[in-house]
């Protein structure tokens, strides 16, 4: 046992001398292991970098494709925005043409009036479908944002700046003025009568 202890102490003794060439072999083995670890880690990091680069390239390509798709859709929306409205107006145009043909073949004014009223209803229906609303402000307060005063007229029956008469209807598109109503506006009577 003392022999073993001596051997154990002898093995762990740092001052123990190694045979020649052993320290160099141990050092080169450690260097080789460390070098292999570094090379393995470097290869792992290079693979990860390549994977990230490929992901980045795919994402860039996907973003570019999406940008092009949005541009095409926007161009198409601009190009064909009026398509549904125009299709709706074609029905009104057909109705007007049929009404004119009927008017040329008959002298009955009542059927012409009836056909014209039906066409006008179709027109109003198309307008309503697309958010176009008529503005007929007779009796309302004058609004320079929605009305265009063609002239003023003295009136003791109405307060000043009241629309007395609508000469031409105005129209709003989704609440925005498409065409202002042309109106005659009241003003206070002048004192020149005295």
N, C-alpha and C. Protein backbone atom coordinates (compact mmCIF):
# COMPACT_ATOMS: atom_id res chain seq x y z
N UNK A 1 0.81 -1.17 0.00
CA UNK A 1 0.00 0.00 0.00
C UNK A 1 0.86 1.25 0.00
N UNK A 2 1.88 1.24 0.78
CA UNK A 2 2.76 2.37 0.78
C UNK A 2 3.42 2.53 -0.58
N UNK A 3 3.57 1.38 -1.23
CA UNK A 3 4.11 1.39 -2.57
C UNK A 3 3.15 2.13 -3.52
N UNK A 4 1.85 1.82 -3.34
CA UNK A 4 0.84 2.48 -4.18
C UNK A 4 0.79 3.96 -3.89
N UNK A 5 0.88 4.30 -2.58
CA UNK A 5 0.83 5.70 -2.22
C UNK A 5 2.01 6.43 -2.84
N UNK A 6 3.12 5.80 -2.77
CA UNK A 6 4.30 6.41 -3.35
C UNK A 6 4.12 6.58 -4.85
N UNK A 7 3.52 5.56 -5.48
CA UNK A 7 3.28 5.67 -6.92
C UNK A 7 2.27 6.78 -7.21
N UNK A 8 1.21 6.86 -6.35
CA UNK A 8 0.19 7.90 -6.53
C UNK A 8 0.77 9.27 -6.31
N UNK A 9 1.59 9.38 -5.29
CA UNK A 9 2.21 10.67 -5.05
C UNK A 9 3.17 10.99 -6.16
N UNK A 10 3.84 9.94 -6.61
CA UNK A 10 4.80 10.11 -7.66
C UNK A 10 4.12 10.59 -8.94
N UNK A 11 2.87 10.07 -9.22
CA UNK A 11 2.15 10.44 -10.45
C UNK A 11 1.66 11.88 -10.38
N UNK A 12 1.25 12.31 -9.17
CA UNK A 12 0.71 13.64 -9.08
C UNK A 12 1.77 14.67 -8.74
N UNK A 13 2.96 14.25 -8.58
CA UNK A 13 4.03 15.17 -8.21
C UNK A 13 4.41 15.99 -9.43
N UNK A 14 4.27 17.29 -9.31
CA UNK A 14 4.59 18.13 -10.45
C UNK A 14 6.08 18.21 -10.73
N UNK A 15 6.83 17.91 -9.77
CA UNK A 15 8.28 18.00 -9.97
C UNK A 15 8.84 16.75 -10.60
N UNK A 16 8.01 15.74 -10.71
CA UNK A 16 8.44 14.48 -11.29
C UNK A 16 8.90 14.73 -12.72
N UNK A 17 9.88 14.17 -13.09
CA UNK A 17 10.44 14.38 -14.42
C UNK A 17 9.84 13.38 -15.38
N UNK A 18 9.48 13.89 -16.54
CA UNK A 18 8.92 13.03 -17.57
C UNK A 18 10.03 12.63 -18.49
N UNK A 19 9.81 11.50 -19.09
CA UNK A 19 10.82 11.11 -20.06
C UNK A 19 10.85 12.14 -21.18
N UNK A 20 11.94 12.23 -21.81
CA UNK A 20 12.13 13.20 -22.86
C UNK A 20 11.14 12.94 -24.00
N UNK A 21 10.54 14.05 -24.56
CA UNK A 21 9.60 13.92 -25.67
C UNK A 21 8.17 13.83 -25.20
N UNK A 22 7.91 13.41 -23.97
CA UNK A 22 6.54 13.29 -23.46
C UNK A 22 5.86 14.65 -23.33
N UNK A 23 6.49 15.71 -22.77
CA UNK A 23 5.81 17.01 -22.68
C UNK A 23 5.46 17.56 -24.04
N UNK A 24 6.26 17.39 -25.01
CA UNK A 24 5.99 17.91 -26.35
C UNK A 24 4.80 17.18 -26.96
N UNK A 25 4.72 15.88 -26.75
CA UNK A 25 3.62 15.08 -27.29
C UNK A 25 2.31 15.49 -26.62
N UNK A 26 2.34 15.70 -25.30
CA UNK A 26 1.13 16.10 -24.58
C UNK A 26 0.68 17.48 -25.04
N UNK A 27 1.62 18.37 -25.23
CA UNK A 27 1.30 19.73 -25.67
C UNK A 27 0.74 19.71 -27.08
N UNK A 28 1.32 18.90 -27.95
CA UNK A 28 0.83 18.86 -29.32
C UNK A 28 -0.54 18.20 -29.39
N UNK A 29 -0.81 17.21 -28.50
CA UNK A 29 -2.15 16.60 -28.43
C UNK A 29 -3.17 17.64 -27.98
N UNK A 30 -2.82 18.45 -26.98
CA UNK A 30 -3.73 19.50 -26.49
C UNK A 30 -3.97 20.54 -27.57
N UNK A 31 -2.91 20.91 -28.27
CA UNK A 31 -3.04 21.87 -29.36
C UNK A 31 -3.92 21.30 -30.47
N UNK A 32 -3.75 20.03 -30.76
CA UNK A 32 -4.53 19.39 -31.82
C UNK A 32 -6.00 19.35 -31.44
N UNK A 33 -6.27 18.99 -30.18
CA UNK A 33 -7.67 18.96 -29.72
C UNK A 33 -8.27 20.36 -29.76
N UNK A 34 -7.53 21.35 -29.30
CA UNK A 34 -8.00 22.73 -29.29
C UNK A 34 -8.21 23.21 -30.72
N UNK A 35 -7.30 22.88 -31.61
CA UNK A 35 -7.42 23.26 -33.02
C UNK A 35 -8.64 22.61 -33.66
N UNK A 36 -8.87 21.34 -33.32
CA UNK A 36 -10.04 20.64 -33.87
C UNK A 36 -11.32 21.29 -33.37
N UNK A 37 -11.35 21.69 -32.09
CA UNK A 37 -12.53 22.37 -31.53
C UNK A 37 -12.77 23.70 -32.24
N UNK A 38 -11.68 24.44 -32.45
CA UNK A 38 -11.78 25.75 -33.13
C UNK A 38 -12.28 25.55 -34.55
N UNK A 39 -11.74 24.57 -35.26
CA UNK A 39 -12.17 24.31 -36.64
C UNK A 39 -13.63 23.86 -36.68
N UNK A 40 -14.03 23.02 -35.73
CA UNK A 40 -15.42 22.56 -35.67
C UNK A 40 -16.35 23.74 -35.39
N UNK A 41 -15.95 24.58 -34.45
CA UNK A 41 -16.78 25.76 -34.09
C UNK A 41 -16.84 26.73 -35.26
N UNK A 42 -15.72 26.93 -35.94
CA UNK A 42 -15.67 27.81 -37.11
C UNK A 42 -16.58 27.28 -38.22
N UNK A 43 -16.53 25.98 -38.47
CA UNK A 43 -17.38 25.37 -39.50
C UNK A 43 -18.85 25.52 -39.13
N UNK A 44 -19.15 25.35 -37.84
CA UNK A 44 -20.53 25.50 -37.35
C UNK A 44 -21.01 26.94 -37.56
N UNK A 45 -20.17 27.91 -37.23
CA UNK A 45 -20.54 29.32 -37.39
C UNK A 45 -20.65 29.71 -38.85
N UNK A 46 -19.79 29.16 -39.69
CA UNK A 46 -19.88 29.44 -41.12
C UNK A 46 -21.18 28.88 -41.69
N UNK A 47 -21.57 27.68 -41.26
CA UNK A 47 -22.82 27.07 -41.72
C UNK A 47 -24.01 27.92 -41.26
N UNK A 48 -23.95 28.39 -40.04
CA UNK A 48 -25.02 29.23 -39.50
C UNK A 48 -25.09 30.55 -40.27
N UNK A 49 -23.94 31.15 -40.56
CA UNK A 49 -23.89 32.40 -41.33
C UNK A 49 -24.47 32.19 -42.72
N UNK A 50 -24.16 31.08 -43.36
CA UNK A 50 -24.69 30.78 -44.69
C UNK A 50 -26.20 30.59 -44.64
N UNK A 51 -26.66 29.91 -43.60
CA UNK A 51 -28.11 29.69 -43.42
C UNK A 51 -28.82 31.04 -43.27
N UNK A 52 -28.25 31.93 -42.45
CA UNK A 52 -28.85 33.26 -42.24
C UNK A 52 -28.82 34.09 -43.52
N UNK A 53 -27.75 33.97 -44.28
CA UNK A 53 -27.65 34.70 -45.55
C UNK A 53 -28.73 34.22 -46.52
N UNK A 54 -28.94 32.92 -46.59
CA UNK A 54 -29.98 32.37 -47.47
C UNK A 54 -31.36 32.82 -47.02
N UNK A 55 -31.59 32.84 -45.71
CA UNK A 55 -32.88 33.32 -45.19
C UNK A 55 -33.09 34.79 -45.57
N UNK A 56 -32.05 35.59 -45.42
CA UNK A 56 -32.13 37.00 -45.77
C UNK A 56 -32.44 37.18 -47.25
N UNK A 57 -31.77 36.42 -48.10
CA UNK A 57 -32.02 36.51 -49.54
C UNK A 57 -33.45 36.12 -49.88
N UNK A 58 -33.95 35.07 -49.24
CA UNK A 58 -35.34 34.64 -49.47
C UNK A 58 -36.32 35.73 -49.04
N UNK A 59 -36.07 36.33 -47.86
CA UNK A 59 -36.95 37.39 -47.38
C UNK A 59 -36.91 38.60 -48.29
N UNK A 60 -35.72 38.95 -48.77
CA UNK A 60 -35.62 40.08 -49.69
C UNK A 60 -36.39 39.80 -50.97
N UNK A 61 -36.27 38.60 -51.49
CA UNK A 61 -36.99 38.23 -52.71
C UNK A 61 -38.49 38.25 -52.47
N UNK A 62 -38.91 37.75 -51.32
CA UNK A 62 -40.34 37.74 -50.99
C UNK A 62 -40.89 39.17 -50.88
N UNK A 63 -40.13 40.05 -50.23
CA UNK A 63 -40.54 41.46 -50.11
C UNK A 63 -40.62 42.13 -51.48
N UNK A 64 -39.66 41.84 -52.33
CA UNK A 64 -39.66 42.42 -53.67
C UNK A 64 -40.87 41.92 -54.46
N UNK A 65 -41.18 40.63 -54.36
CA UNK A 65 -42.36 40.08 -55.04
C UNK A 65 -43.64 40.71 -54.52
N UNK A 66 -43.72 40.89 -53.22
CA UNK A 66 -44.91 41.50 -52.62
C UNK A 66 -45.05 42.95 -53.06
N UNK A 67 -43.94 43.68 -53.12
CA UNK A 67 -43.97 45.08 -53.58
C UNK A 67 -44.47 45.15 -55.02
N UNK A 68 -43.97 44.25 -55.87
CA UNK A 68 -44.42 44.24 -57.28
C UNK A 68 -45.91 43.91 -57.37
N UNK A 69 -46.35 42.93 -56.56
CA UNK A 69 -47.77 42.55 -56.58
C UNK A 69 -48.65 43.73 -56.16
N UNK A 70 -48.24 44.44 -55.10
CA UNK A 70 -49.00 45.62 -54.65
C UNK A 70 -49.02 46.70 -55.73
N UNK A 71 -47.91 46.90 -56.41
CA UNK A 71 -47.87 47.89 -57.48
C UNK A 71 -48.83 47.52 -58.60
N UNK A 72 -48.86 46.22 -58.97
CA UNK A 72 -49.78 45.77 -60.02
C UNK A 72 -51.23 45.95 -59.59
N UNK A 73 -51.54 45.60 -58.32
CA UNK A 73 -52.91 45.75 -57.82
C UNK A 73 -53.32 47.21 -57.78
N UNK A 74 -52.42 48.09 -57.37
CA UNK A 74 -52.72 49.52 -57.32
C UNK A 74 -52.95 50.06 -58.72
N UNK A 75 -52.09 49.66 -59.66
CA UNK A 75 -52.25 50.08 -61.05
C UNK A 75 -53.59 49.60 -61.60
N UNK A 76 -53.93 48.37 -61.29
CA UNK A 76 -55.20 47.80 -61.74
C UNK A 76 -56.38 48.53 -61.11
N UNK A 77 -56.27 48.84 -59.83
CA UNK A 77 -57.35 49.57 -59.15
C UNK A 77 -57.55 50.95 -59.77
N UNK A 78 -56.46 51.63 -60.10
CA UNK A 78 -56.58 52.94 -60.74
C UNK A 78 -57.19 52.81 -62.13
N UNK A 79 -56.73 51.80 -62.84
CA UNK A 79 -57.15 51.62 -64.22
C UNK A 79 -58.63 51.25 -64.33
N UNK A 80 -59.08 50.38 -63.41
CA UNK A 80 -60.43 49.85 -63.53
C UNK A 80 -61.36 50.32 -62.40
N UNK A 81 -61.03 51.41 -61.74
CA UNK A 81 -61.85 51.91 -60.63
C UNK A 81 -63.26 52.26 -61.10
N UNK A 82 -63.39 52.73 -62.29
CA UNK A 82 -64.68 53.17 -62.80
C UNK A 82 -65.45 52.05 -63.50
N UNK A 83 -64.90 50.86 -63.55
CA UNK A 83 -65.51 49.77 -64.31
C UNK A 83 -66.94 49.47 -63.85
N UNK A 84 -67.14 49.31 -62.54
CA UNK A 84 -68.48 48.98 -62.05
C UNK A 84 -69.46 50.13 -62.31
N UNK A 85 -68.99 51.36 -62.11
CA UNK A 85 -69.84 52.52 -62.34
C UNK A 85 -70.20 52.63 -63.82
N UNK A 86 -69.21 52.44 -64.67
CA UNK A 86 -69.46 52.51 -66.12
C UNK A 86 -70.44 51.42 -66.54
N UNK A 87 -70.31 50.22 -65.99
CA UNK A 87 -71.23 49.13 -66.33
C UNK A 87 -72.65 49.49 -65.92
N UNK A 88 -72.78 50.14 -64.77
CA UNK A 88 -74.11 50.56 -64.30
C UNK A 88 -74.70 51.63 -65.23
N UNK A 89 -73.85 52.52 -65.72
CA UNK A 89 -74.33 53.58 -66.63
C UNK A 89 -74.72 53.01 -67.99
N UNK A 90 -74.15 51.89 -68.36
CA UNK A 90 -74.54 51.28 -69.63
C UNK A 90 -76.02 50.91 -69.63
N UNK A 91 -76.53 50.46 -68.49
CA UNK A 91 -77.97 50.15 -68.38
C UNK A 91 -78.81 51.40 -68.59
N UNK A 92 -78.36 52.51 -68.03
CA UNK A 92 -79.08 53.78 -68.19
C UNK A 92 -79.04 54.21 -69.65
N UNK A 93 -77.89 54.06 -70.28
CA UNK A 93 -77.74 54.43 -71.69
C UNK A 93 -78.68 53.58 -72.56
N UNK A 94 -78.73 52.27 -72.29
CA UNK A 94 -79.63 51.39 -73.04
C UNK A 94 -81.07 51.84 -72.89
N UNK A 95 -81.44 52.20 -71.67
CA UNK A 95 -82.81 52.65 -71.40
C UNK A 95 -83.12 53.94 -72.16
N UNK A 96 -82.17 54.86 -72.19
CA UNK A 96 -82.37 56.11 -72.94
C UNK A 96 -82.54 55.83 -74.44
N UNK A 97 -81.72 54.96 -74.97
CA UNK A 97 -81.81 54.62 -76.39
C UNK A 97 -83.15 53.99 -76.73
N UNK A 98 -83.63 53.07 -75.86
CA UNK A 98 -84.94 52.45 -76.10
C UNK A 98 -86.05 53.49 -75.99
N UNK A 99 -85.91 54.42 -75.05
CA UNK A 99 -86.91 55.48 -74.91
C UNK A 99 -86.97 56.38 -76.13
N UNK A 100 -85.82 56.71 -76.67
CA UNK A 100 -85.79 57.54 -77.89
C UNK A 100 -86.41 56.81 -79.07
N UNK A 101 -86.10 55.52 -79.20
CA UNK A 101 -86.71 54.73 -80.29
C UNK A 101 -88.23 54.70 -80.15
N UNK A 102 -88.69 54.51 -78.93
CA UNK A 102 -90.14 54.47 -78.69
C UNK A 102 -90.75 55.84 -78.97
N UNK A 103 -90.08 56.92 -78.59
CA UNK A 103 -90.61 58.28 -78.81
C UNK A 103 -90.72 58.58 -80.30
N UNK A 104 -89.81 58.08 -81.09
CA UNK A 104 -89.85 58.32 -82.55
C UNK A 104 -91.01 57.57 -83.21
N UNK A 105 -91.44 56.47 -82.60
CA UNK A 105 -92.48 55.65 -83.20
C UNK A 105 -93.88 56.00 -82.72
N UNK A 106 -93.96 56.83 -81.67
CA UNK A 106 -95.28 57.14 -81.13
C UNK A 106 -95.45 58.64 -80.92
N UNK A 107 -96.69 59.04 -80.89
CA UNK A 107 -97.01 60.43 -80.59
C UNK A 107 -97.57 60.56 -79.18
N UNK A 108 -97.58 59.48 -78.44
CA UNK A 108 -98.14 59.45 -77.09
C UNK A 108 -97.10 59.99 -76.10
N UNK A 109 -97.33 61.20 -75.64
CA UNK A 109 -96.38 61.85 -74.73
C UNK A 109 -96.33 61.15 -73.38
N UNK A 110 -97.43 60.55 -72.94
CA UNK A 110 -97.45 59.91 -71.62
C UNK A 110 -96.49 58.71 -71.56
N UNK A 111 -96.37 57.95 -72.64
CA UNK A 111 -95.44 56.81 -72.63
C UNK A 111 -93.99 57.30 -72.67
N UNK A 112 -93.76 58.42 -73.35
CA UNK A 112 -92.41 59.01 -73.38
C UNK A 112 -92.03 59.50 -71.99
N UNK A 113 -92.96 60.16 -71.33
CA UNK A 113 -92.71 60.65 -69.97
C UNK A 113 -92.45 59.48 -69.02
N UNK A 114 -93.27 58.44 -69.14
CA UNK A 114 -93.10 57.26 -68.29
C UNK A 114 -91.73 56.61 -68.50
N UNK A 115 -91.32 56.47 -69.75
CA UNK A 115 -90.01 55.89 -70.06
C UNK A 115 -88.87 56.75 -69.54
N UNK A 116 -89.02 58.06 -69.65
CA UNK A 116 -87.99 58.98 -69.16
C UNK A 116 -87.89 58.91 -67.64
N UNK A 117 -89.03 58.82 -66.98
CA UNK A 117 -89.02 58.70 -65.51
C UNK A 117 -88.34 57.40 -65.06
N UNK A 118 -88.61 56.31 -65.78
CA UNK A 118 -87.95 55.04 -65.45
C UNK A 118 -86.44 55.13 -65.65
N UNK A 119 -86.03 55.81 -66.71
CA UNK A 119 -84.60 55.98 -66.97
C UNK A 119 -83.97 56.83 -65.87
N UNK A 120 -84.66 57.88 -65.46
CA UNK A 120 -84.14 58.74 -64.40
C UNK A 120 -84.03 57.97 -63.08
N UNK A 121 -85.00 57.09 -62.82
CA UNK A 121 -84.92 56.25 -61.61
C UNK A 121 -83.69 55.34 -61.67
N UNK A 122 -83.44 54.78 -62.86
CA UNK A 122 -82.26 53.92 -63.02
C UNK A 122 -80.98 54.72 -62.78
N UNK A 123 -80.99 55.96 -63.25
CA UNK A 123 -79.83 56.83 -63.03
C UNK A 123 -79.63 57.09 -61.54
N UNK A 124 -80.69 57.46 -60.84
CA UNK A 124 -80.60 57.73 -59.40
C UNK A 124 -80.16 56.48 -58.62
N UNK A 125 -80.65 55.33 -59.06
CA UNK A 125 -80.27 54.08 -58.41
C UNK A 125 -78.76 53.81 -58.58
N UNK A 126 -78.25 54.07 -59.78
CA UNK A 126 -76.81 53.91 -60.03
C UNK A 126 -76.01 54.88 -59.18
N UNK A 127 -76.49 56.13 -59.09
CA UNK A 127 -75.81 57.13 -58.26
C UNK A 127 -75.77 56.69 -56.80
N UNK A 128 -76.91 56.24 -56.32
CA UNK A 128 -77.02 55.82 -54.92
C UNK A 128 -76.07 54.66 -54.62
N UNK A 129 -75.98 53.74 -55.57
CA UNK A 129 -75.12 52.57 -55.40
C UNK A 129 -73.65 52.97 -55.21
N UNK A 130 -73.26 54.07 -55.83
CA UNK A 130 -71.85 54.49 -55.78
C UNK A 130 -71.61 55.72 -54.92
N UNK A 131 -72.56 56.04 -54.06
CA UNK A 131 -72.35 57.12 -53.09
C UNK A 131 -72.46 58.51 -53.66
N UNK A 132 -73.19 58.66 -54.76
CA UNK A 132 -73.41 60.00 -55.33
C UNK A 132 -74.78 60.45 -54.88
N UNK A 133 -74.80 61.61 -54.22
CA UNK A 133 -76.09 62.11 -53.72
C UNK A 133 -76.34 63.52 -54.22
N UNK A 134 -77.60 63.78 -54.59
CA UNK A 134 -78.00 65.09 -55.11
C UNK A 134 -78.15 66.08 -53.95
N UNK A 135 -77.82 67.34 -54.24
CA UNK A 135 -77.97 68.41 -53.26
C UNK A 135 -78.92 69.44 -53.87
N UNK A 136 -80.10 69.56 -53.27
CA UNK A 136 -81.07 70.55 -53.71
C UNK A 136 -81.43 71.40 -52.49
N UNK A 137 -80.67 72.48 -52.26
CA UNK A 137 -80.74 73.18 -50.98
C UNK A 137 -81.79 74.28 -50.84
N UNK A 138 -82.81 74.30 -51.69
CA UNK A 138 -83.81 75.35 -51.59
C UNK A 138 -84.40 75.40 -50.17
N UNK A 139 -84.38 76.60 -49.57
CA UNK A 139 -84.89 76.80 -48.22
C UNK A 139 -83.83 76.63 -47.13
N UNK A 140 -82.66 76.12 -47.49
CA UNK A 140 -81.59 75.93 -46.51
C UNK A 140 -80.70 77.17 -46.44
N UNK A 141 -79.88 77.23 -45.42
CA UNK A 141 -78.90 78.31 -45.29
C UNK A 141 -77.81 78.11 -46.35
N UNK A 142 -77.39 79.21 -46.96
CA UNK A 142 -76.35 79.15 -47.99
C UNK A 142 -75.04 78.64 -47.39
N UNK A 143 -74.44 77.66 -48.04
CA UNK A 143 -73.16 77.08 -47.62
C UNK A 143 -72.18 77.22 -48.78
N UNK A 144 -71.21 78.14 -48.67
CA UNK A 144 -70.29 78.36 -49.80
C UNK A 144 -69.44 77.13 -50.14
N UNK A 145 -69.36 76.18 -49.23
CA UNK A 145 -68.62 74.95 -49.51
C UNK A 145 -69.39 74.03 -50.45
N UNK A 146 -70.73 74.10 -50.41
CA UNK A 146 -71.56 73.18 -51.21
C UNK A 146 -72.42 73.88 -52.25
N UNK A 147 -72.52 75.20 -52.15
CA UNK A 147 -73.40 75.95 -53.05
C UNK A 147 -72.61 77.03 -53.77
N UNK A 148 -73.05 77.34 -54.99
CA UNK A 148 -72.45 78.43 -55.75
C UNK A 148 -73.55 79.45 -56.01
N UNK A 149 -73.39 80.63 -55.41
CA UNK A 149 -74.40 81.67 -55.56
C UNK A 149 -74.27 82.29 -56.95
N UNK A 150 -75.35 82.23 -57.73
CA UNK A 150 -75.35 82.82 -59.06
C UNK A 150 -75.76 84.29 -58.98
N UNK A 151 -76.62 84.58 -58.03
CA UNK A 151 -77.07 85.95 -57.80
C UNK A 151 -77.72 86.02 -56.42
N UNK A 152 -77.98 87.23 -55.97
CA UNK A 152 -78.72 87.42 -54.72
C UNK A 152 -80.01 88.15 -55.05
N UNK A 153 -80.98 87.99 -54.16
CA UNK A 153 -82.28 88.61 -54.39
C UNK A 153 -82.81 89.07 -53.04
N UNK A 154 -83.34 90.27 -53.02
CA UNK A 154 -83.93 90.78 -51.78
C UNK A 154 -85.15 89.96 -51.41
N UNK A 155 -85.28 89.72 -50.11
CA UNK A 155 -86.44 88.96 -49.65
C UNK A 155 -86.74 89.33 -48.21
N UNK A 156 -87.98 89.75 -47.99
CA UNK A 156 -88.41 90.03 -46.62
C UNK A 156 -89.03 88.78 -45.99
N UNK A 157 -89.32 87.78 -46.81
CA UNK A 157 -89.92 86.53 -46.33
C UNK A 157 -88.89 85.54 -45.79
N UNK A 158 -87.65 85.70 -46.17
CA UNK A 158 -86.59 84.77 -45.77
C UNK A 158 -85.44 85.53 -45.09
N UNK A 159 -84.79 84.89 -44.13
CA UNK A 159 -83.62 85.52 -43.53
C UNK A 159 -82.50 85.66 -44.57
N UNK A 160 -81.59 86.62 -44.40
CA UNK A 160 -80.47 86.75 -45.34
C UNK A 160 -79.66 85.45 -45.40
N UNK A 161 -79.05 85.22 -46.56
CA UNK A 161 -78.22 84.03 -46.82
C UNK A 161 -79.00 82.73 -46.80
N UNK A 162 -80.24 82.78 -47.25
CA UNK A 162 -81.05 81.58 -47.41
C UNK A 162 -81.16 81.29 -48.90
N UNK A 163 -81.10 80.03 -49.28
CA UNK A 163 -81.22 79.65 -50.69
C UNK A 163 -82.69 79.78 -51.07
N UNK A 164 -82.96 80.70 -51.99
CA UNK A 164 -84.34 80.93 -52.45
C UNK A 164 -84.73 79.95 -53.55
N UNK A 165 -83.77 79.65 -54.42
CA UNK A 165 -84.08 78.81 -55.58
C UNK A 165 -82.82 78.05 -56.00
N UNK A 166 -83.00 76.80 -56.33
CA UNK A 166 -81.89 76.00 -56.85
C UNK A 166 -82.02 75.98 -58.36
N UNK A 167 -81.04 76.57 -59.05
CA UNK A 167 -81.05 76.60 -60.51
C UNK A 167 -80.54 75.29 -61.09
N UNK A 168 -79.55 74.72 -60.42
CA UNK A 168 -79.00 73.43 -60.86
C UNK A 168 -78.56 72.66 -59.62
N UNK A 169 -78.99 71.41 -59.53
CA UNK A 169 -78.63 70.58 -58.37
C UNK A 169 -77.13 70.43 -58.27
N UNK A 170 -76.68 70.28 -57.04
CA UNK A 170 -75.29 69.94 -56.80
C UNK A 170 -75.22 68.45 -56.51
N UNK A 171 -74.01 67.92 -56.49
CA UNK A 171 -73.84 66.50 -56.21
C UNK A 171 -72.64 66.29 -55.30
N UNK A 172 -72.80 65.33 -54.38
CA UNK A 172 -71.73 64.92 -53.48
C UNK A 172 -71.32 63.50 -53.84
N UNK A 173 -70.03 63.24 -53.75
CA UNK A 173 -69.52 61.89 -53.96
C UNK A 173 -68.89 61.47 -52.65
N UNK A 174 -69.54 60.52 -51.97
CA UNK A 174 -69.09 60.05 -50.65
C UNK A 174 -68.92 61.23 -49.68
N UNK A 175 -69.85 62.18 -49.75
CA UNK A 175 -69.83 63.32 -48.84
C UNK A 175 -68.95 64.48 -49.30
N UNK A 176 -68.24 64.30 -50.38
CA UNK A 176 -67.35 65.35 -50.91
C UNK A 176 -68.01 66.00 -52.12
N UNK A 177 -67.86 67.32 -52.24
CA UNK A 177 -68.54 68.04 -53.32
C UNK A 177 -67.98 67.60 -54.67
N UNK A 178 -68.89 67.09 -55.49
CA UNK A 178 -68.56 66.72 -56.86
C UNK A 178 -68.86 67.91 -57.77
N UNK A 179 -70.01 68.52 -57.50
CA UNK A 179 -70.40 69.75 -58.20
C UNK A 179 -71.26 70.56 -57.25
N UNK A 180 -70.95 71.84 -57.04
CA UNK A 180 -71.78 72.65 -56.14
C UNK A 180 -73.14 72.95 -56.78
N UNK A 181 -74.14 73.13 -55.94
CA UNK A 181 -75.46 73.51 -56.43
C UNK A 181 -75.42 74.98 -56.82
N UNK A 182 -76.01 75.32 -57.97
CA UNK A 182 -76.09 76.72 -58.41
C UNK A 182 -77.39 77.28 -57.88
N UNK A 183 -77.28 78.35 -57.09
CA UNK A 183 -78.45 78.83 -56.35
C UNK A 183 -78.59 80.36 -56.41
N UNK A 184 -79.81 80.79 -56.07
CA UNK A 184 -80.10 82.21 -55.84
C UNK A 184 -80.26 82.36 -54.34
N UNK A 185 -79.55 83.33 -53.77
CA UNK A 185 -79.49 83.51 -52.32
C UNK A 185 -80.22 84.79 -51.92
N UNK A 186 -80.91 84.75 -50.78
CA UNK A 186 -81.65 85.93 -50.30
C UNK A 186 -80.69 86.92 -49.64
N UNK A 187 -81.09 88.17 -49.70
CA UNK A 187 -80.39 89.21 -48.96
C UNK A 187 -81.45 90.10 -48.32
N UNK A 188 -81.04 90.85 -47.32
CA UNK A 188 -81.98 91.72 -46.61
C UNK A 188 -82.45 92.83 -47.55
N UNK A 189 -83.72 93.24 -47.40
CA UNK A 189 -84.22 94.33 -48.25
C UNK A 189 -83.41 95.62 -47.97
N UNK A 190 -83.17 96.37 -49.04
CA UNK A 190 -82.42 97.62 -48.88
C UNK A 190 -83.34 98.70 -48.32
N UNK A 191 -82.73 99.70 -47.72
CA UNK A 191 -83.50 100.80 -47.13
C UNK A 191 -83.74 101.91 -48.13
N UNK A 192 -83.48 101.67 -49.41
CA UNK A 192 -83.66 102.69 -50.45
C UNK A 192 -85.13 102.98 -50.71
N UNK A 193 -86.03 102.10 -50.26
CA UNK A 193 -87.47 102.26 -50.52
C UNK A 193 -88.04 103.42 -49.74
N UNK A 194 -87.38 103.91 -48.69
CA UNK A 194 -87.92 104.94 -47.81
C UNK A 194 -87.81 106.31 -48.38
